[in-house]
């Protein structure tokens, strides 16, 4: 199956000037929840990343990722500073959230397969 989520598809959505703050916050928030769900139970409780297993958040994003995901689950949106952090482009020219495209694609492909798409 071809990729559903790519680094370019994420960046394209986030760069779309027609998307509102709320739409971008929901998009990033849902992605954060997907990654949060992949964290270990201990990592979720401690608001960190302890295992370098390529699943969930990287160590550098562990605390902010877990806290942002929890905030999104509670409030159904992200605060300005949270969205700014995940939209900030790195040296690659892609938003911070886009580095998780492979994991997000794995989940999207699995969901599509469950639906029979």
PDB file of N, CA and C in Angstrom:
ATOM      1  N   UNK A   1       0.848  -1.182   0.000  1.00  0.00           N
ATOM      2  CA  UNK A   1       0.000   0.000   0.000  1.00  0.00           C
ATOM      3  C   UNK A   1       0.890   1.242   0.000  1.00  0.00           C
ATOM      4  N   UNK A   2       0.539   2.203  -0.790  1.00  0.00           N
ATOM      5  CA  UNK A   2       1.320   3.439  -0.848  1.00  0.00           C
ATOM      6  C   UNK A   2       1.085   4.257   0.422  1.00  0.00           C
ATOM      7  N   UNK A   3       2.032   5.107   0.751  1.00  0.00           N
ATOM      8  CA  UNK A   3       1.903   5.906   1.981  1.00  0.00           C
ATOM      9  C   UNK A   3       0.658   6.789   1.965  1.00  0.00           C
ATOM     10  N   UNK A   4       0.052   6.887   3.113  1.00  0.00           N
ATOM     11  CA  UNK A   4      -1.102   7.767   3.294  1.00  0.00           C
ATOM     12  C   UNK A   4      -0.624   9.102   3.861  1.00  0.00           C
ATOM     13  N   UNK A   5       0.300   9.012   4.811  1.00  0.00           N
ATOM     14  CA  UNK A   5       0.856  10.201   5.460  1.00  0.00           C
ATOM     15  C   UNK A   5       2.330  10.289   5.105  1.00  0.00           C
ATOM     16  N   UNK A   6       2.722  11.437   4.569  1.00  0.00           N
ATOM     17  CA  UNK A   6       4.127  11.672   4.252  1.00  0.00           C
ATOM     18  C   UNK A   6       4.554  12.991   4.896  1.00  0.00           C
ATOM     19  N   UNK A   7       5.836  13.186   4.942  1.00  0.00           N
ATOM     20  CA  UNK A   7       6.349  14.453   5.478  1.00  0.00           C
ATOM     21  C   UNK A   7       5.802  15.616   4.647  1.00  0.00           C
ATOM     22  N   UNK A   8       5.771  15.427   3.323  1.00  0.00           N
ATOM     23  CA  UNK A   8       5.270  16.492   2.445  1.00  0.00           C
ATOM     24  C   UNK A   8       3.774  16.734   2.618  1.00  0.00           C
ATOM     25  N   UNK A   9       2.998  15.659   2.830  1.00  0.00           N
ATOM     26  CA  UNK A   9       1.551  15.845   2.999  1.00  0.00           C
ATOM     27  C   UNK A   9       1.254  16.592   4.301  1.00  0.00           C
ATOM     28  N   UNK A  10       2.022  16.308   5.334  1.00  0.00           N
ATOM     29  CA  UNK A  10       1.854  17.020   6.603  1.00  0.00           C
ATOM     30  C   UNK A  10       2.184  18.498   6.407  1.00  0.00           C
ATOM     31  N   UNK A  11       3.333  18.762   5.793  1.00  0.00           N
ATOM     32  CA  UNK A  11       3.763  20.144   5.610  1.00  0.00           C
ATOM     33  C   UNK A  11       2.810  20.910   4.703  1.00  0.00           C
ATOM     34  N   UNK A  12       2.317  20.259   3.689  1.00  0.00           N
ATOM     35  CA  UNK A  12       1.372  20.896   2.775  1.00  0.00           C
ATOM     36  C   UNK A  12       0.102  21.330   3.513  1.00  0.00           C
ATOM     37  N   UNK A  13      -0.407  20.454   4.373  1.00  0.00           N
ATOM     38  CA  UNK A  13      -1.602  20.786   5.152  1.00  0.00           C
ATOM     39  C   UNK A  13      -1.314  21.996   6.054  1.00  0.00           C
ATOM     40  N   UNK A  14      -0.183  21.942   6.744  1.00  0.00           N
ATOM     41  CA  UNK A  14       0.144  23.001   7.702  1.00  0.00           C
ATOM     42  C   UNK A  14       0.456  24.331   7.027  1.00  0.00           C
ATOM     43  N   UNK A  15       0.963  24.290   5.804  1.00  0.00           N
ATOM     44  CA  UNK A  15       1.289  25.522   5.067  1.00  0.00           C
ATOM     45  C   UNK A  15       0.084  26.109   4.337  1.00  0.00           C
ATOM     46  N   UNK A  16      -1.024  25.391   4.301  1.00  0.00           N
ATOM     47  CA  UNK A  16      -2.204  25.850   3.580  1.00  0.00           C
ATOM     48  C   UNK A  16      -2.781  27.092   4.274  1.00  0.00           C
ATOM     49  N   UNK A  17      -2.753  28.243   3.595  1.00  0.00           N
ATOM     50  CA  UNK A  17      -3.227  29.479   4.228  1.00  0.00           C
ATOM     51  C   UNK A  17      -4.734  29.478   4.494  1.00  0.00           C
ATOM     52  N   UNK A  18      -5.462  28.568   3.878  1.00  0.00           N
ATOM     53  CA  UNK A  18      -6.907  28.514   4.099  1.00  0.00           C
ATOM     54  C   UNK A  18      -7.272  27.776   5.387  1.00  0.00           C
ATOM     55  N   UNK A  19      -6.308  27.075   5.968  1.00  0.00           N
ATOM     56  CA  UNK A  19      -6.565  26.344   7.217  1.00  0.00           C
ATOM     57  C   UNK A  19      -6.513  27.310   8.387  1.00  0.00           C
ATOM     58  N   UNK A  20      -7.506  27.209   9.258  1.00  0.00           N
ATOM     59  CA  UNK A  20      -7.580  28.079  10.431  1.00  0.00           C
ATOM     60  C   UNK A  20      -6.692  27.537  11.550  1.00  0.00           C
ATOM     61  N   UNK A  21      -6.496  28.353  12.554  1.00  0.00           N
ATOM     62  CA  UNK A  21      -5.754  27.917  13.739  1.00  0.00           C
ATOM     63  C   UNK A  21      -6.397  26.658  14.313  1.00  0.00           C
ATOM     64  N   UNK A  22      -7.714  26.675  14.419  1.00  0.00           N
ATOM     65  CA  UNK A  22      -8.420  25.542  15.009  1.00  0.00           C
ATOM     66  C   UNK A  22      -8.225  24.265  14.187  1.00  0.00           C
ATOM     67  N   UNK A  23      -8.240  24.386  12.872  1.00  0.00           N
ATOM     68  CA  UNK A  23      -8.040  23.218  12.018  1.00  0.00           C
ATOM     69  C   UNK A  23      -6.623  22.666  12.158  1.00  0.00           C
ATOM     70  N   UNK A  24      -5.652  23.558  12.189  1.00  0.00           N
ATOM     71  CA  UNK A  24      -4.260  23.119  12.352  1.00  0.00           C
ATOM     72  C   UNK A  24      -4.042  22.530  13.741  1.00  0.00           C
ATOM     73  N   UNK A  25      -4.639  23.144  14.759  1.00  0.00           N
ATOM     74  CA  UNK A  25      -4.504  22.631  16.122  1.00  0.00           C
ATOM     75  C   UNK A  25      -5.119  21.238  16.235  1.00  0.00           C
ATOM     76  N   UNK A  26      -6.261  21.021  15.593  1.00  0.00           N
ATOM     77  CA  UNK A  26      -6.900  19.706  15.629  1.00  0.00           C
ATOM     78  C   UNK A  26      -6.057  18.672  14.888  1.00  0.00           C
ATOM     79  N   UNK A  27      -5.504  19.049  13.758  1.00  0.00           N
ATOM     80  CA  UNK A  27      -4.658  18.158  12.951  1.00  0.00           C
ATOM     81  C   UNK A  27      -3.419  17.730  13.738  1.00  0.00           C
ATOM     82  N   UNK A  28      -2.720  18.706  14.308  1.00  0.00           N
ATOM     83  CA  UNK A  28      -1.518  18.411  15.088  1.00  0.00           C
ATOM     84  C   UNK A  28      -1.895  17.674  16.370  1.00  0.00           C
ATOM     85  N   UNK A  29      -2.970  18.091  17.002  1.00  0.00           N
ATOM     86  CA  UNK A  29      -3.420  17.440  18.234  1.00  0.00           C
ATOM     87  C   UNK A  29      -3.720  15.968  18.035  1.00  0.00           C
ATOM     88  N   UNK A  30      -4.411  15.632  16.947  1.00  0.00           N
ATOM     89  CA  UNK A  30      -4.711  14.227  16.656  1.00  0.00           C
ATOM     90  C   UNK A  30      -3.423  13.442  16.416  1.00  0.00           C
ATOM     91  N   UNK A  31      -2.468  14.059  15.737  1.00  0.00           N
ATOM     92  CA  UNK A  31      -1.175  13.398  15.492  1.00  0.00           C
ATOM     93  C   UNK A  31      -0.448  13.168  16.818  1.00  0.00           C
ATOM     94  N   UNK A  32      -0.485  14.147  17.701  1.00  0.00           N
ATOM     95  CA  UNK A  32       0.160  14.004  19.006  1.00  0.00           C
ATOM     96  C   UNK A  32      -0.475  12.878  19.814  1.00  0.00           C
ATOM     97  N   UNK A  33      -1.788  12.746  19.733  1.00  0.00           N
ATOM     98  CA  UNK A  33      -2.477  11.674  20.461  1.00  0.00           C
ATOM     99  C   UNK A  33      -2.065  10.308  19.905  1.00  0.00           C
ATOM    100  N   UNK A  34      -1.905  10.202  18.605  1.00  0.00           N
ATOM    101  CA  UNK A  34      -1.439   8.942  18.003  1.00  0.00           C
ATOM    102  C   UNK A  34      -0.074   8.578  18.572  1.00  0.00           C
ATOM    103  N   UNK A  35       0.818   9.539  18.631  1.00  0.00           N
ATOM    104  CA  UNK A  35       2.165   9.297  19.161  1.00  0.00           C
ATOM    105  C   UNK A  35       2.115   9.007  20.659  1.00  0.00           C
ATOM    106  N   UNK A  36       1.287   9.745  21.374  1.00  0.00           N
ATOM    107  CA  UNK A  36       1.104   9.536  22.812  1.00  0.00           C
ATOM    108  C   UNK A  36       0.635   8.109  23.090  1.00  0.00           C
ATOM    109  N   UNK A  37      -0.289   7.626  22.285  1.00  0.00           N
ATOM    110  CA  UNK A  37      -0.806   6.264  22.461  1.00  0.00           C
ATOM    111  C   UNK A  37       0.276   5.210  22.273  1.00  0.00           C
ATOM    112  N   UNK A  38       1.350   5.562  21.592  1.00  0.00           N
ATOM    113  CA  UNK A  38       2.439   4.627  21.338  1.00  0.00           C
ATOM    114  C   UNK A  38       3.510   4.670  22.431  1.00  0.00           C
ATOM    115  N   UNK A  39       3.409   5.643  23.333  1.00  0.00           N
ATOM    116  CA  UNK A  39       4.341   5.719  24.455  1.00  0.00           C
ATOM    117  C   UNK A  39       4.039   4.576  25.441  1.00  0.00           C
ATOM    118  N   UNK A  40       5.035   4.185  26.218  1.00  0.00           N
ATOM    119  CA  UNK A  40       4.799   3.180  27.246  1.00  0.00           C
ATOM    120  C   UNK A  40       3.964   3.797  28.365  1.00  0.00           C
ATOM    121  N   UNK A  41       3.345   2.953  29.168  1.00  0.00           N
ATOM    122  CA  UNK A  41       2.527   3.440  30.282  1.00  0.00           C
ATOM    123  C   UNK A  41       3.361   4.299  31.226  1.00  0.00           C
ATOM    124  N   UNK A  42       4.583   3.872  31.499  1.00  0.00           N
ATOM    125  CA  UNK A  42       5.458   4.637  32.388  1.00  0.00           C
ATOM    126  C   UNK A  42       5.820   5.993  31.818  1.00  0.00           C
ATOM    127  N   UNK A  43       6.035   6.052  30.515  1.00  0.00           N
ATOM    128  CA  UNK A  43       6.374   7.316  29.871  1.00  0.00           C
ATOM    129  C   UNK A  43       5.196   8.282  29.922  1.00  0.00           C
ATOM    130  N   UNK A  44       3.990   7.755  29.777  1.00  0.00           N
ATOM    131  CA  UNK A  44       2.799   8.602  29.840  1.00  0.00           C
ATOM    132  C   UNK A  44       2.644   9.227  31.217  1.00  0.00           C
ATOM    133  N   UNK A  45       2.897   8.440  32.248  1.00  0.00           N
ATOM    134  CA  UNK A  45       2.759   8.927  33.617  1.00  0.00           C
ATOM    135  C   UNK A  45       3.856   9.927  33.958  1.00  0.00           C
ATOM    136  N   UNK A  46       5.089   9.635  33.520  1.00  0.00           N
ATOM    137  CA  UNK A  46       6.233  10.480  33.863  1.00  0.00           C
ATOM    138  C   UNK A  46       6.401  11.679  32.930  1.00  0.00           C
ATOM    139  N   UNK A  47       5.570  11.778  31.890  1.00  0.00           N
ATOM    140  CA  UNK A  47       5.672  12.875  30.921  1.00  0.00           C
ATOM    141  C   UNK A  47       7.067  12.941  30.298  1.00  0.00           C
ATOM    142  N   UNK A  48       7.552  11.806  29.833  1.00  0.00           N
ATOM    143  CA  UNK A  48       8.896  11.738  29.290  1.00  0.00           C
ATOM    144  C   UNK A  48       9.004  10.598  28.286  1.00  0.00           C
ATOM    145  N   UNK A  49      10.171  10.472  27.687  1.00  0.00           N
ATOM    146  CA  UNK A  49      10.495   9.334  26.843  1.00  0.00           C
ATOM    147  C   UNK A  49      11.732   8.684  27.437  1.00  0.00           C
ATOM    148  N   UNK A  50      11.609   7.414  27.792  1.00  0.00           N
ATOM    149  CA  UNK A  50      12.719   6.699  28.411  1.00  0.00           C
ATOM    150  C   UNK A  50      13.360   5.688  27.477  1.00  0.00           C
ATOM    151  N   UNK A  51      12.578   5.166  26.557  1.00  0.00           N
ATOM    152  CA  UNK A  51      13.059   4.116  25.676  1.00  0.00           C
ATOM    153  C   UNK A  51      13.345   4.671  24.289  1.00  0.00           C
ATOM    154  N   UNK A  52      14.521   4.370  23.765  1.00  0.00           N
ATOM    155  CA  UNK A  52      14.886   4.790  22.412  1.00  0.00           C
ATOM    156  C   UNK A  52      14.542   3.631  21.475  1.00  0.00           C
ATOM    157  N   UNK A  53      13.228   3.483  21.211  1.00  0.00           N
ATOM    158  CA  UNK A  53      12.755   2.353  20.425  1.00  0.00           C
ATOM    159  C   UNK A  53      12.112   2.763  19.107  1.00  0.00           C
ATOM    160  N   UNK A  54      12.180   4.051  18.773  1.00  0.00           N
ATOM    161  CA  UNK A  54      11.603   4.516  17.518  1.00  0.00           C
ATOM    162  C   UNK A  54      10.085   4.554  17.522  1.00  0.00           C
ATOM    163  N   UNK A  55       9.500   4.424  18.711  1.00  0.00           N
ATOM    164  CA  UNK A  55       8.035   4.432  18.829  1.00  0.00           C
ATOM    165  C   UNK A  55       7.635   5.549  19.783  1.00  0.00           C
ATOM    166  N   UNK A  56       6.661   6.343  19.380  1.00  0.00           N
ATOM    167  CA  UNK A  56       6.246   7.473  20.194  1.00  0.00           C
ATOM    168  C   UNK A  56       7.173   8.658  19.969  1.00  0.00           C
ATOM    169  N   UNK A  57       7.292   9.496  20.970  1.00  0.00           N
ATOM    170  CA  UNK A  57       8.094  10.707  20.863  1.00  0.00           C
ATOM    171  C   UNK A  57       9.577  10.413  21.046  1.00  0.00           C
ATOM    172  N   UNK A  58      10.407  11.244  20.429  1.00  0.00           N
ATOM    173  CA  UNK A  58      11.848  11.172  20.663  1.00  0.00           C
ATOM    174  C   UNK A  58      12.127  11.739  22.051  1.00  0.00           C
ATOM    175  N   UNK A  59      13.317  11.521  22.546  1.00  0.00           N
ATOM    176  CA  UNK A  59      13.680  12.049  23.852  1.00  0.00           C
ATOM    177  C   UNK A  59      13.552  13.553  23.932  1.00  0.00           C
ATOM    178  N   UNK A  60      13.933  14.235  22.860  1.00  0.00           N
ATOM    179  CA  UNK A  60      13.870  15.697  22.840  1.00  0.00           C
ATOM    180  C   UNK A  60      12.439  16.220  22.894  1.00  0.00           C
ATOM    181  N   UNK A  61      11.499  15.437  22.400  1.00  0.00           N
ATOM    182  CA  UNK A  61      10.100  15.864  22.351  1.00  0.00           C
ATOM    183  C   UNK A  61       9.224  15.182  23.391  1.00  0.00           C
ATOM    184  N   UNK A  62       9.803  14.303  24.190  1.00  0.00           N
ATOM    185  CA  UNK A  62       9.017  13.495  25.120  1.00  0.00           C
ATOM    186  C   UNK A  62       8.115  14.291  26.033  1.00  0.00           C
ATOM    187  N   UNK A  63       8.699  15.210  26.789  1.00  0.00           N
ATOM    188  CA  UNK A  63       7.912  15.963  27.769  1.00  0.00           C
ATOM    189  C   UNK A  63       6.853  16.832  27.093  1.00  0.00           C
ATOM    190  N   UNK A  64       7.271  17.629  26.128  1.00  0.00           N
ATOM    191  CA  UNK A  64       6.296  18.531  25.492  1.00  0.00           C
ATOM    192  C   UNK A  64       5.264  17.739  24.693  1.00  0.00           C
ATOM    193  N   UNK A  65       5.678  16.618  24.110  1.00  0.00           N
ATOM    194  CA  UNK A  65       4.741  15.799  23.344  1.00  0.00           C
ATOM    195  C   UNK A  65       3.659  15.193  24.214  1.00  0.00           C
ATOM    196  N   UNK A  66       4.080  14.601  25.324  1.00  0.00           N
ATOM    197  CA  UNK A  66       3.112  13.989  26.236  1.00  0.00           C
ATOM    198  C   UNK A  66       2.189  15.047  26.830  1.00  0.00           C
ATOM    199  N   UNK A  67       2.768  16.155  27.285  1.00  0.00           N
ATOM    200  CA  UNK A  67       1.944  17.209  27.887  1.00  0.00           C
ATOM    201  C   UNK A  67       0.989  17.832  26.873  1.00  0.00           C
ATOM    202  N   UNK A  68       1.448  18.033  25.638  1.00  0.00           N
ATOM    203  CA  UNK A  68       0.587  18.602  24.601  1.00  0.00           C
ATOM    204  C   UNK A  68      -0.536  17.640  24.242  1.00  0.00           C
ATOM    205  N   UNK A  69      -0.216  16.354  24.154  1.00  0.00           N
ATOM    206  CA  UNK A  69      -1.249  15.362  23.841  1.00  0.00           C
ATOM    207  C   UNK A  69      -2.292  15.296  24.956  1.00  0.00           C
ATOM    208  N   UNK A  70      -1.832  15.299  26.195  1.00  0.00           N
ATOM    209  CA  UNK A  70      -2.771  15.282  27.326  1.00  0.00           C
ATOM    210  C   UNK A  70      -3.655  16.529  27.311  1.00  0.00           C
ATOM    211  N   UNK A  71      -3.061  17.664  27.013  1.00  0.00           N
ATOM    212  CA  UNK A  71      -3.807  18.915  26.939  1.00  0.00           C
ATOM    213  C   UNK A  71      -4.855  18.846  25.832  1.00  0.00           C
ATOM    214  N   UNK A  72      -4.473  18.291  24.675  1.00  0.00           N
ATOM    215  CA  UNK A  72      -5.417  18.179  23.567  1.00  0.00           C
ATOM    216  C   UNK A  72      -6.567  17.236  23.927  1.00  0.00           C
ATOM    217  N   UNK A  73      -6.251  16.131  24.575  1.00  0.00           N
ATOM    218  CA  UNK A  73      -7.304  15.188  24.970  1.00  0.00           C
ATOM    219  C   UNK A  73      -8.296  15.836  25.942  1.00  0.00           C
ATOM    220  N   UNK A  74      -7.792  16.684  26.818  1.00  0.00           N
ATOM    221  CA  UNK A  74      -8.641  17.340  27.815  1.00  0.00           C
ATOM    222  C   UNK A  74      -9.432  18.503  27.225  1.00  0.00           C
ATOM    223  N   UNK A  75      -8.764  19.332  26.398  1.00  0.00           N
ATOM    224  CA  UNK A  75      -9.372  20.585  25.937  1.00  0.00           C
ATOM    225  C   UNK A  75      -9.843  20.576  24.487  1.00  0.00           C
ATOM    226  N   UNK A  76      -9.520  19.524  23.749  1.00  0.00           N
ATOM    227  CA  UNK A  76      -9.897  19.385  22.335  1.00  0.00           C
ATOM    228  C   UNK A  76      -9.262  20.441  21.433  1.00  0.00           C
ATOM    229  N   UNK A  77      -8.224  21.096  21.924  1.00  0.00           N
ATOM    230  CA  UNK A  77      -7.445  22.038  21.136  1.00  0.00           C
ATOM    231  C   UNK A  77      -6.074  22.181  21.783  1.00  0.00           C
ATOM    232  N   UNK A  78      -5.194  22.886  21.118  1.00  0.00           N
ATOM    233  CA  UNK A  78      -3.876  23.175  21.664  1.00  0.00           C
ATOM    234  C   UNK A  78      -3.781  24.662  21.965  1.00  0.00           C
ATOM    235  N   UNK A  79      -2.952  25.003  22.924  1.00  0.00           N
ATOM    236  CA  UNK A  79      -2.695  26.406  23.203  1.00  0.00           C
ATOM    237  C   UNK A  79      -1.759  26.936  22.124  1.00  0.00           C
ATOM    238  N   UNK A  80      -1.717  28.251  21.989  1.00  0.00           N
ATOM    239  CA  UNK A  80      -0.884  28.872  20.954  1.00  0.00           C
ATOM    240  C   UNK A  80       0.561  28.382  21.002  1.00  0.00           C
ATOM    241  N   UNK A  81       1.175  28.393  22.187  1.00  0.00           N
ATOM    242  CA  UNK A  81       2.578  28.004  22.312  1.00  0.00           C
ATOM    243  C   UNK A  81       2.798  26.546  21.941  1.00  0.00           C
ATOM    244  N   UNK A  82       1.797  25.702  22.226  1.00  0.00           N
ATOM    245  CA  UNK A  82       1.935  24.288  21.883  1.00  0.00           C
ATOM    246  C   UNK A  82       1.928  24.108  20.371  1.00  0.00           C
ATOM    247  N   UNK A  83       0.979  24.749  19.718  1.00  0.00           N
ATOM    248  CA  UNK A  83       0.919  24.633  18.263  1.00  0.00           C
ATOM    249  C   UNK A  83       2.174  25.222  17.627  1.00  0.00           C
ATOM    250  N   UNK A  84       2.609  26.372  18.132  1.00  0.00           N
ATOM    251  CA  UNK A  84       3.829  26.992  17.595  1.00  0.00           C
ATOM    252  C   UNK A  84       5.015  26.041  17.665  1.00  0.00           C
ATOM    253  N   UNK A  85       5.157  25.335  18.779  1.00  0.00           N
ATOM    254  CA  UNK A  85       6.276  24.393  18.953  1.00  0.00           C
ATOM    255  C   UNK A  85       6.251  23.314  17.877  1.00  0.00           C
ATOM    256  N   UNK A  86       5.094  22.766  17.597  1.00  0.00           N
ATOM    257  CA  UNK A  86       4.988  21.654  16.653  1.00  0.00           C
ATOM    258  C   UNK A  86       4.994  22.115  15.206  1.00  0.00           C
ATOM    259  N   UNK A  87       4.683  23.395  14.958  1.00  0.00           N
ATOM    260  CA  UNK A  87       4.726  23.938  13.603  1.00  0.00           C
ATOM    261  C   UNK A  87       6.089  24.511  13.242  1.00  0.00           C
ATOM    262  N   UNK A  88       6.917  24.750  14.249  1.00  0.00           N
ATOM    263  CA  UNK A  88       8.229  25.351  13.998  1.00  0.00           C
ATOM    264  C   UNK A  88       9.043  24.457  13.066  1.00  0.00           C
ATOM    265  N   UNK A  89       9.564  25.094  12.016  1.00  0.00           N
ATOM    266  CA  UNK A  89      10.345  24.352  11.033  1.00  0.00           C
ATOM    267  C   UNK A  89      11.798  24.235  11.474  1.00  0.00           C
ATOM    268  N   UNK A  90      12.360  23.070  11.231  1.00  0.00           N
ATOM    269  CA  UNK A  90      13.760  22.836  11.541  1.00  0.00           C
ATOM    270  C   UNK A  90      14.625  23.108  10.325  1.00  0.00           C
ATOM    271  N   UNK A  91      15.869  22.688  10.401  1.00  0.00           N
ATOM    272  CA  UNK A  91      16.807  22.879   9.301  1.00  0.00           C
ATOM    273  C   UNK A  91      16.333  22.189   8.026  1.00  0.00           C
ATOM    274  N   UNK A  92      15.550  21.144   8.192  1.00  0.00           N
ATOM    275  CA  UNK A  92      15.046  20.385   7.043  1.00  0.00           C
ATOM    276  C   UNK A  92      13.984  21.163   6.269  1.00  0.00           C
ATOM    277  N   UNK A  93      13.421  22.196   6.891  1.00  0.00           N
ATOM    278  CA  UNK A  93      12.347  22.954   6.257  1.00  0.00           C
ATOM    279  C   UNK A  93      10.966  22.397   6.562  1.00  0.00           C
ATOM    280  N   UNK A  94      10.937  21.367   7.406  1.00  0.00           N
ATOM    281  CA  UNK A  94       9.669  20.738   7.784  1.00  0.00           C
ATOM    282  C   UNK A  94       9.342  21.051   9.243  1.00  0.00           C
ATOM    283  N   UNK A  95       8.048  21.092   9.546  1.00  0.00           N
ATOM    284  CA  UNK A  95       7.592  21.313  10.908  1.00  0.00           C
ATOM    285  C   UNK A  95       8.045  20.160  11.798  1.00  0.00           C
ATOM    286  N   UNK A  96       8.208  20.441  13.078  1.00  0.00           N
ATOM    287  CA  UNK A  96       8.642  19.426  14.047  1.00  0.00           C
ATOM    288  C   UNK A  96       7.746  18.189  13.997  1.00  0.00           C
ATOM    289  N   UNK A  97       6.446  18.354  13.879  1.00  0.00           N
ATOM    290  CA  UNK A  97       5.529  17.205  13.868  1.00  0.00           C
ATOM    291  C   UNK A  97       5.765  16.308  12.651  1.00  0.00           C
ATOM    292  N   UNK A  98       6.283  16.875  11.567  1.00  0.00           N
ATOM    293  CA  UNK A  98       6.475  16.104  10.329  1.00  0.00           C
ATOM    294  C   UNK A  98       7.544  15.034  10.466  1.00  0.00           C
ATOM    295  N   UNK A  99       8.439  15.156  11.446  1.00  0.00           N
ATOM    296  CA  UNK A  99       9.465  14.123  11.601  1.00  0.00           C
ATOM    297  C   UNK A  99       8.872  12.793  12.043  1.00  0.00           C
ATOM    298  N   UNK A 100       7.634  12.804  12.466  1.00  0.00           N
ATOM    299  CA  UNK A 100       6.951  11.584  12.908  1.00  0.00           C
ATOM    300  C   UNK A 100       6.096  10.971  11.800  1.00  0.00           C
ATOM    301  N   UNK A 101       6.318  11.394  10.565  1.00  0.00           N
ATOM    302  CA  UNK A 101       5.474  10.947   9.455  1.00  0.00           C
ATOM    303  C   UNK A 101       5.435   9.433   9.312  1.00  0.00           C
ATOM    304  N   UNK A 102       6.536   8.759   9.535  1.00  0.00           N
ATOM    305  CA  UNK A 102       6.555   7.297   9.371  1.00  0.00           C
ATOM    306  C   UNK A 102       5.621   6.614  10.365  1.00  0.00           C
ATOM    307  N   UNK A 103       5.684   7.035  11.611  1.00  0.00           N
ATOM    308  CA  UNK A 103       4.805   6.444  12.624  1.00  0.00           C
ATOM    309  C   UNK A 103       3.338   6.779  12.347  1.00  0.00           C
ATOM    310  N   UNK A 104       3.092   8.019  11.954  1.00  0.00           N
ATOM    311  CA  UNK A 104       1.719   8.427  11.651  1.00  0.00           C
ATOM    312  C   UNK A 104       1.193   7.649  10.453  1.00  0.00           C
ATOM    313  N   UNK A 105       2.063   7.389   9.489  1.00  0.00           N
ATOM    314  CA  UNK A 105       1.657   6.605   8.330  1.00  0.00           C
ATOM    315  C   UNK A 105       1.354   5.163   8.727  1.00  0.00           C
ATOM    316  N   UNK A 106       2.166   4.574   9.583  1.00  0.00           N
ATOM    317  CA  UNK A 106       1.914   3.197  10.046  1.00  0.00           C
ATOM    318  C   UNK A 106       0.512   3.076  10.618  1.00  0.00           C
ATOM    319  N   UNK A 107       0.134   4.014  11.457  1.00  0.00           N
ATOM    320  CA  UNK A 107      -1.181   3.995  12.083  1.00  0.00           C
ATOM    321  C   UNK A 107      -2.272   4.220  11.048  1.00  0.00           C
ATOM    322  N   UNK A 108      -2.057   5.153  10.127  1.00  0.00           N
ATOM    323  CA  UNK A 108      -3.070   5.425   9.087  1.00  0.00           C
ATOM    324  C   UNK A 108      -3.265   4.209   8.187  1.00  0.00           C
ATOM    325  N   UNK A 109      -2.193   3.550   7.819  1.00  0.00           N
ATOM    326  CA  UNK A 109      -2.282   2.347   6.965  1.00  0.00           C
ATOM    327  C   UNK A 109      -3.033   1.239   7.715  1.00  0.00           C
ATOM    328  N   UNK A 110      -2.724   1.055   8.999  1.00  0.00           N
ATOM    329  CA  UNK A 110      -3.405   0.027   9.795  1.00  0.00           C
ATOM    330  C   UNK A 110      -4.903   0.316   9.899  1.00  0.00           C
ATOM    331  N   UNK A 111      -5.256   1.586  10.103  1.00  0.00           N
ATOM    332  CA  UNK A 111      -6.677   1.960  10.187  1.00  0.00           C
ATOM    333  C   UNK A 111      -7.383   1.736   8.857  1.00  0.00           C
ATOM    334  N   UNK A 112      -6.705   2.080   7.757  1.00  0.00           N
ATOM    335  CA  UNK A 112      -7.293   1.874   6.428  1.00  0.00           C
ATOM    336  C   UNK A 112      -7.505   0.391   6.162  1.00  0.00           C
ATOM    337  N   UNK A 113      -6.568  -0.438   6.578  1.00  0.00           N
ATOM    338  CA  UNK A 113      -6.683  -1.888   6.378  1.00  0.00           C
ATOM    339  C   UNK A 113      -7.854  -2.438   7.192  1.00  0.00           C
ATOM    340  N   UNK A 114      -8.075  -1.920   8.386  1.00  0.00           N
ATOM    341  CA  UNK A 114      -9.205  -2.360   9.228  1.00  0.00           C
ATOM    342  C   UNK A 114     -10.538  -2.011   8.579  1.00  0.00           C
ATOM    343  N   UNK A 115     -10.567  -0.870   7.900  1.00  0.00           N
ATOM    344  CA  UNK A 115     -11.795  -0.441   7.236  1.00  0.00           C
ATOM    345  C   UNK A 115     -11.995  -1.137   5.909  1.00  0.00           C
ATOM    346  N   UNK A 116     -10.938  -1.829   5.452  1.00  0.00           N
ATOM    347  CA  UNK A 116     -11.030  -2.525   4.182  1.00  0.00           C
ATOM    348  C   UNK A 116     -10.774  -1.634   2.991  1.00  0.00           C
ATOM    349  N   UNK A 117     -10.140  -0.488   3.254  1.00  0.00           N
ATOM    350  CA  UNK A 117      -9.868   0.453   2.156  1.00  0.00           C
ATOM    351  C   UNK A 117      -8.663   0.034   1.358  1.00  0.00           C
TER     352      UNK A 117
END
